[in-house]
Amino acid sequence: MKSRHMNFREQLDSLDLAVDDPVCLRENAGRLGAFLFPGPGGRADAFADEVTDLCLKSTGVDFLLVYNTGGFGGAAMADDPEWPTVMSGVREELGGMGYRSMMVEHVRAEAGFGGFLDELGDLRHNYARKARELAAKMAFLAGFNAWLRIILTGRCFGGVMCNEVMGLSESEPRLYSIQASIPFWYTEPVGPRSLVLPDNGVMPDMVRRGGVARFLWTLFRANWRRLPSVSPPAEGGFKAVIRYLKAPGHTYTWDHPGVGPRIVSFLREKFST
């Protein structure tokens, strides 16, 4: 992973951004935005405004928790009935250790068919473009707030994105990740500052169990004589366009025995004093 990402880190370091200077905060964020989004279109300015605002809002907290949605990146945290429970559990555990934290939502794709196609194109390359954007944002935040620790969280494709960002950020010791339901075809290594949940502790996750044929057969059997639903099936599922298909084991909440306790152990190992 290091060799694949070294060139990006060298480019980022070459900008020599004085990110710890509050007077030049917006100017430096603008330079970073121009590096990531060259040319017209307004994306560089929007990025710079977002990063500047996040730097100021995260001043005075110990942890920034980043929600990175699963699926194809266009869903909002408010519409997710599962992973926000994990975010809340992490905040509560950190609070019990005496830490202050805040949550932020990272939106990596626009809603609609256009956003789906854009997400699918970048996913084919393990988020070669979008992971750079999030990694640059996290590097800027860590540089501005020297005491801030960041925990990226995500499941399924969101977890893939988190791991790619971690690969781009090997030299940043204050960046961590919690990942779940990594698809079986994604085989990039995982670093020591990341926790990967293999299942929810109740049943195996079909998304993690290898082989295209096995995946398709399990999906077919689970949905035979069943109409797609408007809400996630209790046994697990994923959203296909606007409705849910049943996917056994593909469900992760804080109360699952393989989720909350594993995360608590990880947090206490890394952050208890």
C-alpha atoms as a PDB file:
ATOM      1  CA  MET A   1       0.000   0.000   0.000  1.00  0.00           C
ATOM      2  CA  LYS A   2       2.817   2.377   0.799  1.00  0.00           C
ATOM      3  CA  SER A   3       4.308   2.290  -2.704  1.00  0.00           C
ATOM      4  CA  ARG A   4       0.925   2.995  -4.299  1.00  0.00           C
ATOM      5  CA  HIS A   5       0.375   6.096  -2.188  1.00  0.00           C
ATOM      6  CA  MET A   6       3.866   7.546  -1.725  1.00  0.00           C
ATOM      7  CA  ASN A   7       3.631   9.913  -4.693  1.00  0.00           C
ATOM      8  CA  PHE A   8       0.474  11.531  -3.324  1.00  0.00           C
ATOM      9  CA  ARG A   9       2.065  12.122   0.072  1.00  0.00           C
ATOM     10  CA  GLU A  10       5.101  13.701  -1.579  1.00  0.00           C
ATOM     11  CA  GLN A  11       2.839  16.010  -3.590  1.00  0.00           C
ATOM     12  CA  LEU A  12       0.876  16.974  -0.508  1.00  0.00           C
ATOM     13  CA  ASP A  13       4.010  17.670   1.507  1.00  0.00           C
ATOM     14  CA  SER A  14       5.457  19.745  -1.345  1.00  0.00           C
ATOM     15  CA  LEU A  15       2.660  22.301  -0.932  1.00  0.00           C
ATOM     16  CA  ASP A  16       4.307  23.302   2.368  1.00  0.00           C
ATOM     17  CA  LEU A  17       1.040  24.544   3.829  1.00  0.00           C
ATOM     18  CA  ALA A  18       1.353  26.492   7.080  1.00  0.00           C
ATOM     19  CA  VAL A  19      -1.849  24.901   8.292  1.00  0.00           C
ATOM     20  CA  ASP A  20      -1.187  25.731  11.932  1.00  0.00           C
ATOM     21  CA  ASP A  21      -1.378  29.484  11.186  1.00  0.00           C
ATOM     22  CA  PRO A  22      -4.987  30.629  11.852  1.00  0.00           C
ATOM     23  CA  VAL A  23      -4.431  33.933  10.037  1.00  0.00           C
ATOM     24  CA  CYS A  24      -3.724  32.138   6.764  1.00  0.00           C
ATOM     25  CA  LEU A  25      -6.211  29.309   7.341  1.00  0.00           C
ATOM     26  CA  ARG A  26      -8.590  30.039   4.461  1.00  0.00           C
ATOM     27  CA  GLU A  27      -5.743  30.938   2.101  1.00  0.00           C
ATOM     28  CA  ASN A  28      -3.970  27.644   2.741  1.00  0.00           C
ATOM     29  CA  ALA A  29      -7.213  25.692   2.453  1.00  0.00           C
ATOM     30  CA  GLY A  30      -7.702  27.371  -0.906  1.00  0.00           C
ATOM     31  CA  ARG A  31      -4.275  26.254  -2.074  1.00  0.00           C
ATOM     32  CA  LEU A  32      -5.100  22.697  -1.071  1.00  0.00           C
ATOM     33  CA  GLY A  33      -8.434  22.915  -2.863  1.00  0.00           C
ATOM     34  CA  ALA A  34      -6.737  24.150  -6.030  1.00  0.00           C
ATOM     35  CA  PHE A  35      -4.305  21.238  -5.850  1.00  0.00           C
ATOM     36  CA  LEU A  36      -7.140  18.704  -5.586  1.00  0.00           C
ATOM     37  CA  PHE A  37      -9.530  20.389  -8.034  1.00  0.00           C
ATOM     38  CA  PRO A  38      -7.541  22.267 -10.673  1.00  0.00           C
ATOM     39  CA  GLY A  39      -9.442  24.357 -13.192  1.00  0.00           C
ATOM     40  CA  PRO A  40     -12.816  26.126 -13.044  1.00  0.00           C
ATOM     41  CA  GLY A  41     -15.979  24.761 -11.534  1.00  0.00           C
ATOM     42  CA  GLY A  42     -16.053  26.032  -7.964  1.00  0.00           C
ATOM     43  CA  ARG A  43     -15.163  22.706  -6.316  1.00  0.00           C
ATOM     44  CA  ALA A  44     -11.856  24.065  -5.007  1.00  0.00           C
ATOM     45  CA  ASP A  45     -13.569  26.957  -3.219  1.00  0.00           C
ATOM     46  CA  ALA A  46     -16.302  24.715  -1.818  1.00  0.00           C
ATOM     47  CA  PHE A  47     -13.645  22.330  -0.505  1.00  0.00           C
ATOM     48  CA  ALA A  48     -11.662  25.188   1.053  1.00  0.00           C
ATOM     49  CA  ASP A  49     -14.762  26.605   2.763  1.00  0.00           C
ATOM     50  CA  GLU A  50     -15.673  23.191   4.153  1.00  0.00           C
ATOM     51  CA  VAL A  51     -12.187  22.491   5.492  1.00  0.00           C
ATOM     52  CA  THR A  52     -11.880  25.958   7.040  1.00  0.00           C
ATOM     53  CA  ASP A  53     -15.228  25.596   8.785  1.00  0.00           C
ATOM     54  CA  LEU A  54     -14.324  22.136  10.058  1.00  0.00           C
ATOM     55  CA  CYS A  55     -10.984  23.347  11.407  1.00  0.00           C
ATOM     56  CA  LEU A  56     -12.686  26.076  13.422  1.00  0.00           C
ATOM     57  CA  LYS A  57     -15.520  23.857  14.675  1.00  0.00           C
ATOM     58  CA  SER A  58     -13.169  21.094  15.813  1.00  0.00           C
ATOM     59  CA  THR A  59     -11.072  23.467  17.899  1.00  0.00           C
ATOM     60  CA  GLY A  60     -11.407  22.443  21.523  1.00  0.00           C
ATOM     61  CA  VAL A  61     -12.343  18.792  20.971  1.00  0.00           C
ATOM     62  CA  ASP A  62     -10.138  15.755  21.380  1.00  0.00           C
ATOM     63  CA  PHE A  63     -11.680  13.496  18.721  1.00  0.00           C
ATOM     64  CA  LEU A  64     -13.318  14.005  15.373  1.00  0.00           C
ATOM     65  CA  LEU A  65     -15.497  11.057  14.323  1.00  0.00           C
ATOM     66  CA  VAL A  66     -16.127  10.825  10.594  1.00  0.00           C
ATOM     67  CA  TYR A  67     -19.230   9.078   9.260  1.00  0.00           C
ATOM     68  CA  ASN A  68     -18.590   7.636   5.800  1.00  0.00           C
ATOM     69  CA  THR A  69     -21.729   6.017   4.459  1.00  0.00           C
ATOM     70  CA  GLY A  70     -21.891   2.537   3.014  1.00  0.00           C
ATOM     71  CA  GLY A  71     -23.452   1.727  -0.322  1.00  0.00           C
ATOM     72  CA  PHE A  72     -22.694   4.052  -3.207  1.00  0.00           C
ATOM     73  CA  GLY A  73     -22.015   7.161  -1.155  1.00  0.00           C
ATOM     74  CA  GLY A  74     -25.168   9.180  -1.702  1.00  0.00           C
ATOM     75  CA  ALA A  75     -27.116   8.264   1.435  1.00  0.00           C
ATOM     76  CA  ALA A  76     -27.335  10.631   4.390  1.00  0.00           C
ATOM     77  CA  MET A  77     -26.556   9.669   7.974  1.00  0.00           C
ATOM     78  CA  ALA A  78     -30.079  10.736   8.975  1.00  0.00           C
ATOM     79  CA  ASP A  79     -31.488   7.978   6.753  1.00  0.00           C
ATOM     80  CA  ASP A  80     -29.198   5.250   8.106  1.00  0.00           C
ATOM     81  CA  PRO A  81     -30.885   3.190  10.859  1.00  0.00           C
ATOM     82  CA  GLU A  82     -27.744   1.246  11.801  1.00  0.00           C
ATOM     83  CA  TRP A  83     -24.288   2.846  11.689  1.00  0.00           C
ATOM     84  CA  PRO A  84     -25.209   6.038  13.604  1.00  0.00           C
ATOM     85  CA  THR A  85     -25.745   3.786  16.631  1.00  0.00           C
ATOM     86  CA  VAL A  86     -22.082   2.819  16.307  1.00  0.00           C
ATOM     87  CA  MET A  87     -21.062   6.478  16.108  1.00  0.00           C
ATOM     88  CA  SER A  88     -23.058   7.262  19.237  1.00  0.00           C
ATOM     89  CA  GLY A  89     -21.552   4.287  21.055  1.00  0.00           C
ATOM     90  CA  VAL A  90     -18.040   5.444  20.184  1.00  0.00           C
ATOM     91  CA  ARG A  91     -18.818   8.957  21.444  1.00  0.00           C
ATOM     92  CA  GLU A  92     -20.206   7.594  24.693  1.00  0.00           C
ATOM     93  CA  GLU A  93     -17.174   5.381  25.266  1.00  0.00           C
ATOM     94  CA  LEU A  94     -14.751   8.231  24.556  1.00  0.00           C
ATOM     95  CA  GLY A  95     -16.780  10.485  26.833  1.00  0.00           C
ATOM     96  CA  GLY A  96     -16.409   7.924  29.616  1.00  0.00           C
ATOM     97  CA  MET A  97     -12.651   8.198  29.186  1.00  0.00           C
ATOM     98  CA  GLY A  98     -12.875  11.950  29.643  1.00  0.00           C
ATOM     99  CA  TYR A  99     -12.534  12.936  25.973  1.00  0.00           C
ATOM    100  CA  ARG A 100     -14.584  15.505  24.069  1.00  0.00           C
ATOM    101  CA  SER A 101     -15.667  14.530  20.568  1.00  0.00           C
ATOM    102  CA  MET A 102     -17.758  15.679  17.638  1.00  0.00           C
ATOM    103  CA  MET A 103     -19.207  13.893  14.632  1.00  0.00           C
ATOM    104  CA  VAL A 104     -19.058  14.996  11.030  1.00  0.00           C
ATOM    105  CA  GLU A 105     -20.599  13.454   7.937  1.00  0.00           C
ATOM    106  CA  HIS A 106     -18.445  12.951   4.853  1.00  0.00           C
ATOM    107  CA  VAL A 107     -20.532  12.966   1.677  1.00  0.00           C
ATOM    108  CA  ARG A 108     -18.558  11.296  -1.091  1.00  0.00           C
ATOM    109  CA  ALA A 109     -21.233  11.115  -3.810  1.00  0.00           C
ATOM    110  CA  GLU A 110     -24.197  13.111  -5.002  1.00  0.00           C
ATOM    111  CA  ALA A 111     -27.639  11.587  -4.798  1.00  0.00           C
ATOM    112  CA  GLY A 112     -29.147  10.335  -8.035  1.00  0.00           C
ATOM    113  CA  PHE A 113     -28.030   8.345 -11.034  1.00  0.00           C
ATOM    114  CA  GLY A 114     -25.177  10.696 -11.937  1.00  0.00           C
ATOM    115  CA  GLY A 115     -23.684  10.360  -8.482  1.00  0.00           C
ATOM    116  CA  PHE A 116     -24.076   6.593  -8.665  1.00  0.00           C
ATOM    117  CA  LEU A 117     -22.125   6.417 -11.935  1.00  0.00           C
ATOM    118  CA  ASP A 118     -19.375   8.665 -10.593  1.00  0.00           C
ATOM    119  CA  GLU A 119     -19.098   6.551  -7.456  1.00  0.00           C
ATOM    120  CA  LEU A 120     -19.036   3.329  -9.420  1.00  0.00           C
ATOM    121  CA  GLY A 121     -16.242   4.625 -11.644  1.00  0.00           C
ATOM    122  CA  ASP A 122     -14.012   5.561  -8.710  1.00  0.00           C
ATOM    123  CA  LEU A 123     -14.868   2.412  -6.766  1.00  0.00           C
ATOM    124  CA  ARG A 124     -13.454   0.352  -9.637  1.00  0.00           C
ATOM    125  CA  HIS A 125     -10.067   1.907  -8.797  1.00  0.00           C
ATOM    126  CA  ASN A 126     -10.382   1.581  -5.018  1.00  0.00           C
ATOM    127  CA  TYR A 127     -11.351   5.231  -4.681  1.00  0.00           C
ATOM    128  CA  ALA A 128      -8.128   6.494  -6.224  1.00  0.00           C
ATOM    129  CA  ARG A 129      -9.619   9.996  -6.539  1.00  0.00           C
ATOM    130  CA  LYS A 130     -12.040  10.320  -3.641  1.00  0.00           C
ATOM    131  CA  ALA A 131      -9.690   8.815  -1.072  1.00  0.00           C
ATOM    132  CA  ARG A 132      -7.119  11.490  -1.951  1.00  0.00           C
ATOM    133  CA  GLU A 133      -9.668  14.205  -1.262  1.00  0.00           C
ATOM    134  CA  LEU A 134     -10.608  12.850   2.164  1.00  0.00           C
ATOM    135  CA  ALA A 135      -6.982  12.095   3.079  1.00  0.00           C
ATOM    136  CA  ALA A 136      -5.975  15.652   2.186  1.00  0.00           C
ATOM    137  CA  LYS A 137      -8.823  17.034   4.279  1.00  0.00           C
ATOM    138  CA  MET A 138      -7.810  14.926   7.279  1.00  0.00           C
ATOM    139  CA  ALA A 139      -4.133  15.892   6.894  1.00  0.00           C
ATOM    140  CA  PHE A 140      -5.079  19.567   6.873  1.00  0.00           C
ATOM    141  CA  LEU A 141      -7.237  19.161   9.985  1.00  0.00           C
ATOM    142  CA  ALA A 142      -4.529  17.254  11.839  1.00  0.00           C
ATOM    143  CA  GLY A 143      -1.998  19.923  10.926  1.00  0.00           C
ATOM    144  CA  PHE A 144      -4.197  22.761  12.155  1.00  0.00           C
ATOM    145  CA  ASN A 145      -5.309  21.099  15.412  1.00  0.00           C
ATOM    146  CA  ALA A 146      -2.159  19.529  16.784  1.00  0.00           C
ATOM    147  CA  TRP A 147      -4.023  17.735  19.599  1.00  0.00           C
ATOM    148  CA  LEU A 148      -6.896  16.394  17.478  1.00  0.00           C
ATOM    149  CA  ARG A 149      -7.290  12.672  16.879  1.00  0.00           C
ATOM    150  CA  ILE A 150      -9.500  11.505  14.029  1.00  0.00           C
ATOM    151  CA  ILE A 151     -11.429   8.257  13.695  1.00  0.00           C
ATOM    152  CA  LEU A 152     -12.761   7.404  10.250  1.00  0.00           C
ATOM    153  CA  THR A 153     -15.677   5.008  10.276  1.00  0.00           C
ATOM    154  CA  GLY A 154     -17.457   3.162   7.486  1.00  0.00           C
ATOM    155  CA  ARG A 155     -18.965  -0.125   6.425  1.00  0.00           C
ATOM    156  CA  CYS A 156     -18.854  -1.948   3.115  1.00  0.00           C
ATOM    157  CA  PHE A 157     -17.728   0.511   0.407  1.00  0.00           C
ATOM    158  CA  GLY A 158     -17.413   3.167   3.093  1.00  0.00           C
ATOM    159  CA  GLY A 159     -14.970   0.849   4.851  1.00  0.00           C
ATOM    160  CA  VAL A 160     -12.984   0.419   1.635  1.00  0.00           C
ATOM    161  CA  MET A 161     -12.766   4.183   1.378  1.00  0.00           C
ATOM    162  CA  CYS A 162     -11.556   4.423   4.989  1.00  0.00           C
ATOM    163  CA  ASN A 163      -8.819   1.872   4.413  1.00  0.00           C
ATOM    164  CA  GLU A 164      -7.612   3.655   1.287  1.00  0.00           C
ATOM    165  CA  VAL A 165      -7.417   6.914   3.230  1.00  0.00           C
ATOM    166  CA  MET A 166      -5.460   5.147   5.953  1.00  0.00           C
ATOM    167  CA  GLY A 167      -3.030   3.923   3.306  1.00  0.00           C
ATOM    168  CA  LEU A 168      -2.539   7.481   2.106  1.00  0.00           C
ATOM    169  CA  SER A 169      -2.019   8.609   5.702  1.00  0.00           C
ATOM    170  CA  GLU A 170       0.540   6.142   7.037  1.00  0.00           C
ATOM    171  CA  SER A 171       2.690   9.014   8.282  1.00  0.00           C
ATOM    172  CA  GLU A 172      -0.176  10.559  10.291  1.00  0.00           C
ATOM    173  CA  PRO A 173      -0.176   8.868  13.734  1.00  0.00           C
ATOM    174  CA  ARG A 174      -3.370  10.578  14.923  1.00  0.00           C
ATOM    175  CA  LEU A 175      -5.620   9.063  12.267  1.00  0.00           C
ATOM    176  CA  TYR A 176      -7.520   5.836  13.055  1.00  0.00           C
ATOM    177  CA  SER A 177     -10.343   3.888  11.459  1.00  0.00           C
ATOM    178  CA  ILE A 178     -13.181   1.513  12.305  1.00  0.00           C
ATOM    179  CA  GLN A 179     -14.327  -0.554   9.338  1.00  0.00           C
ATOM    180  CA  ALA A 180     -17.017  -3.186   8.871  1.00  0.00           C
ATOM    181  CA  SER A 181     -18.268  -5.486   6.131  1.00  0.00           C
ATOM    182  CA  ILE A 182     -15.295  -5.090   3.796  1.00  0.00           C
ATOM    183  CA  PRO A 183     -16.276  -6.850   0.517  1.00  0.00           C
ATOM    184  CA  PHE A 184     -14.553 -10.155  -0.155  1.00  0.00           C
ATOM    185  CA  TRP A 185     -12.850  -8.916  -3.325  1.00  0.00           C
ATOM    186  CA  TYR A 186     -11.023  -6.076  -1.543  1.00  0.00           C
ATOM    187  CA  THR A 187      -7.702  -7.455  -0.318  1.00  0.00           C
ATOM    188  CA  GLU A 188      -5.534  -4.431   0.479  1.00  0.00           C
ATOM    189  CA  PRO A 189      -3.648  -4.715   3.816  1.00  0.00           C
ATOM    190  CA  VAL A 190      -4.929  -3.104   6.990  1.00  0.00           C
ATOM    191  CA  GLY A 191      -2.644  -1.088   9.269  1.00  0.00           C
ATOM    192  CA  PRO A 192      -2.302  -1.214  13.077  1.00  0.00           C
ATOM    193  CA  ARG A 193      -4.447   1.896  13.665  1.00  0.00           C
ATOM    194  CA  SER A 194      -7.502   0.286  12.090  1.00  0.00           C
ATOM    195  CA  LEU A 195     -10.136  -2.071  13.438  1.00  0.00           C
ATOM    196  CA  VAL A 196     -11.956  -4.279  10.935  1.00  0.00           C
ATOM    197  CA  LEU A 197     -15.120  -5.988  12.162  1.00  0.00           C
ATOM    198  CA  PRO A 198     -15.354  -9.398  10.440  1.00  0.00           C
ATOM    199  CA  ASP A 199     -19.048  -9.872  11.283  1.00  0.00           C
ATOM    200  CA  ASN A 200     -21.721  -8.694  13.696  1.00  0.00           C
ATOM    201  CA  GLY A 201     -21.246 -11.598  16.098  1.00  0.00           C
ATOM    202  CA  VAL A 202     -24.633 -13.119  15.263  1.00  0.00           C
ATOM    203  CA  MET A 203     -24.169 -14.535  11.764  1.00  0.00           C
ATOM    204  CA  PRO A 204     -21.558 -14.373   8.979  1.00  0.00           C
ATOM    205  CA  ASP A 205     -21.787 -11.407   6.643  1.00  0.00           C
ATOM    206  CA  MET A 206     -22.469 -12.627   3.097  1.00  0.00           C
ATOM    207  CA  VAL A 207     -20.635  -9.614   1.657  1.00  0.00           C
ATOM    208  CA  ARG A 208     -17.389 -10.759   3.278  1.00  0.00           C
ATOM    209  CA  ARG A 209     -17.571 -14.433   2.305  1.00  0.00           C
ATOM    210  CA  GLY A 210     -15.528 -15.052  -0.815  1.00  0.00           C
ATOM    211  CA  GLY A 211     -16.374 -15.780  -4.383  1.00  0.00           C
ATOM    212  CA  VAL A 212     -18.648 -14.077  -6.884  1.00  0.00           C
ATOM    213  CA  ALA A 213     -20.648 -17.239  -7.529  1.00  0.00           C
ATOM    214  CA  ARG A 214     -21.187 -17.850  -3.818  1.00  0.00           C
ATOM    215  CA  PHE A 215     -22.203 -14.217  -3.274  1.00  0.00           C
ATOM    216  CA  LEU A 216     -24.749 -14.252  -6.112  1.00  0.00           C
ATOM    217  CA  TRP A 217     -26.173 -17.616  -5.073  1.00  0.00           C
ATOM    218  CA  THR A 218     -26.596 -16.482  -1.455  1.00  0.00           C
ATOM    219  CA  LEU A 219     -28.240 -13.263  -2.619  1.00  0.00           C
ATOM    220  CA  PHE A 220     -30.603 -15.182  -4.913  1.00  0.00           C
ATOM    221  CA  ARG A 221     -31.604 -17.639  -2.199  1.00  0.00           C
ATOM    222  CA  ALA A 222     -32.189 -14.848   0.329  1.00  0.00           C
ATOM    223  CA  ASN A 223     -34.486 -12.912  -2.004  1.00  0.00           C
ATOM    224  CA  TRP A 224     -36.310 -15.795  -3.739  1.00  0.00           C
ATOM    225  CA  ARG A 225     -40.060 -15.165  -3.545  1.00  0.00           C
ATOM    226  CA  ARG A 226     -39.485 -11.918  -1.694  1.00  0.00           C
ATOM    227  CA  LEU A 227     -40.165  -8.388  -2.904  1.00  0.00           C
ATOM    228  CA  PRO A 228     -37.565  -5.668  -2.182  1.00  0.00           C
ATOM    229  CA  SER A 229     -38.542  -3.736   0.947  1.00  0.00           C
ATOM    230  CA  VAL A 230     -38.641  -0.046   1.832  1.00  0.00           C
ATOM    231  CA  SER A 231     -36.709  -0.666   5.064  1.00  0.00           C
ATOM    232  CA  PRO A 232     -33.661  -2.849   5.825  1.00  0.00           C
ATOM    233  CA  PRO A 233     -34.474  -6.499   6.625  1.00  0.00           C
ATOM    234  CA  ALA A 234     -33.734  -7.456  10.218  1.00  0.00           C
ATOM    235  CA  GLU A 235     -31.235 -10.128   9.145  1.00  0.00           C
ATOM    236  CA  GLY A 236     -29.303  -7.611   7.050  1.00  0.00           C
ATOM    237  CA  GLY A 237     -29.624  -5.998   3.662  1.00  0.00           C
ATOM    238  CA  PHE A 238     -28.404  -3.358   1.268  1.00  0.00           C
ATOM    239  CA  LYS A 239     -30.133  -0.734  -0.799  1.00  0.00           C
ATOM    240  CA  ALA A 240     -30.509  -1.343  -4.520  1.00  0.00           C
ATOM    241  CA  VAL A 241     -31.651   1.946  -6.088  1.00  0.00           C
ATOM    242  CA  ILE A 242     -34.588   2.800  -3.792  1.00  0.00           C
ATOM    243  CA  ARG A 243     -35.429  -0.492  -2.045  1.00  0.00           C
ATOM    244  CA  TYR A 244     -33.605  -3.047   0.060  1.00  0.00           C
ATOM    245  CA  LEU A 245     -32.504  -6.533  -0.880  1.00  0.00           C
ATOM    246  CA  LYS A 246     -32.007  -9.058   1.876  1.00  0.00           C
ATOM    247  CA  ALA A 247     -28.342  -9.801   2.605  1.00  0.00           C
ATOM    248  CA  PRO A 248     -27.903 -12.142   5.604  1.00  0.00           C
ATOM    249  CA  GLY A 249     -25.433 -10.845   8.176  1.00  0.00           C
ATOM    250  CA  HIS A 250     -24.988  -7.479   6.486  1.00  0.00           C
ATOM    251  CA  THR A 251     -26.191  -5.464   9.463  1.00  0.00           C
ATOM    252  CA  TYR A 252     -24.103  -3.658  12.086  1.00  0.00           C
ATOM    253  CA  THR A 253     -25.396  -1.795  15.122  1.00  0.00           C
ATOM    254  CA  TRP A 254     -23.743  -0.988  18.426  1.00  0.00           C
ATOM    255  CA  ASP A 255     -25.874  -3.604  20.221  1.00  0.00           C
ATOM    256  CA  HIS A 256     -24.664  -6.503  18.090  1.00  0.00           C
ATOM    257  CA  PRO A 257     -22.329  -8.703  20.184  1.00  0.00           C
ATOM    258  CA  GLY A 258     -19.615  -8.542  17.534  1.00  0.00           C
ATOM    259  CA  VAL A 259     -19.739  -4.764  17.174  1.00  0.00           C
ATOM    260  CA  GLY A 260     -19.941  -2.752  20.405  1.00  0.00           C
ATOM    261  CA  PRO A 261     -17.635  -4.972  22.537  1.00  0.00           C
ATOM    262  CA  ARG A 262     -14.971  -5.188  19.823  1.00  0.00           C
ATOM    263  CA  ILE A 263     -14.975  -1.437  19.317  1.00  0.00           C
ATOM    264  CA  VAL A 264     -14.794  -0.792  23.060  1.00  0.00           C
ATOM    265  CA  SER A 265     -11.726  -3.050  23.295  1.00  0.00           C
ATOM    266  CA  PHE A 266     -10.091  -1.202  20.389  1.00  0.00           C
ATOM    267  CA  LEU A 267     -10.778   2.233  21.867  1.00  0.00           C
ATOM    268  CA  ARG A 268      -9.512   1.256  25.313  1.00  0.00           C
ATOM    269  CA  GLU A 269      -6.374  -0.306  23.847  1.00  0.00           C
ATOM    270  CA  LYS A 270      -5.556   2.794  21.810  1.00  0.00           C
ATOM    271  CA  PHE A 271      -6.778   5.661  23.981  1.00  0.00           C
ATOM    272  CA  SER A 272      -7.197   4.737  27.649  1.00  0.00           C
ATOM    273  CA  THR A 273      -4.740   6.550  29.907  1.00  0.00           C
END
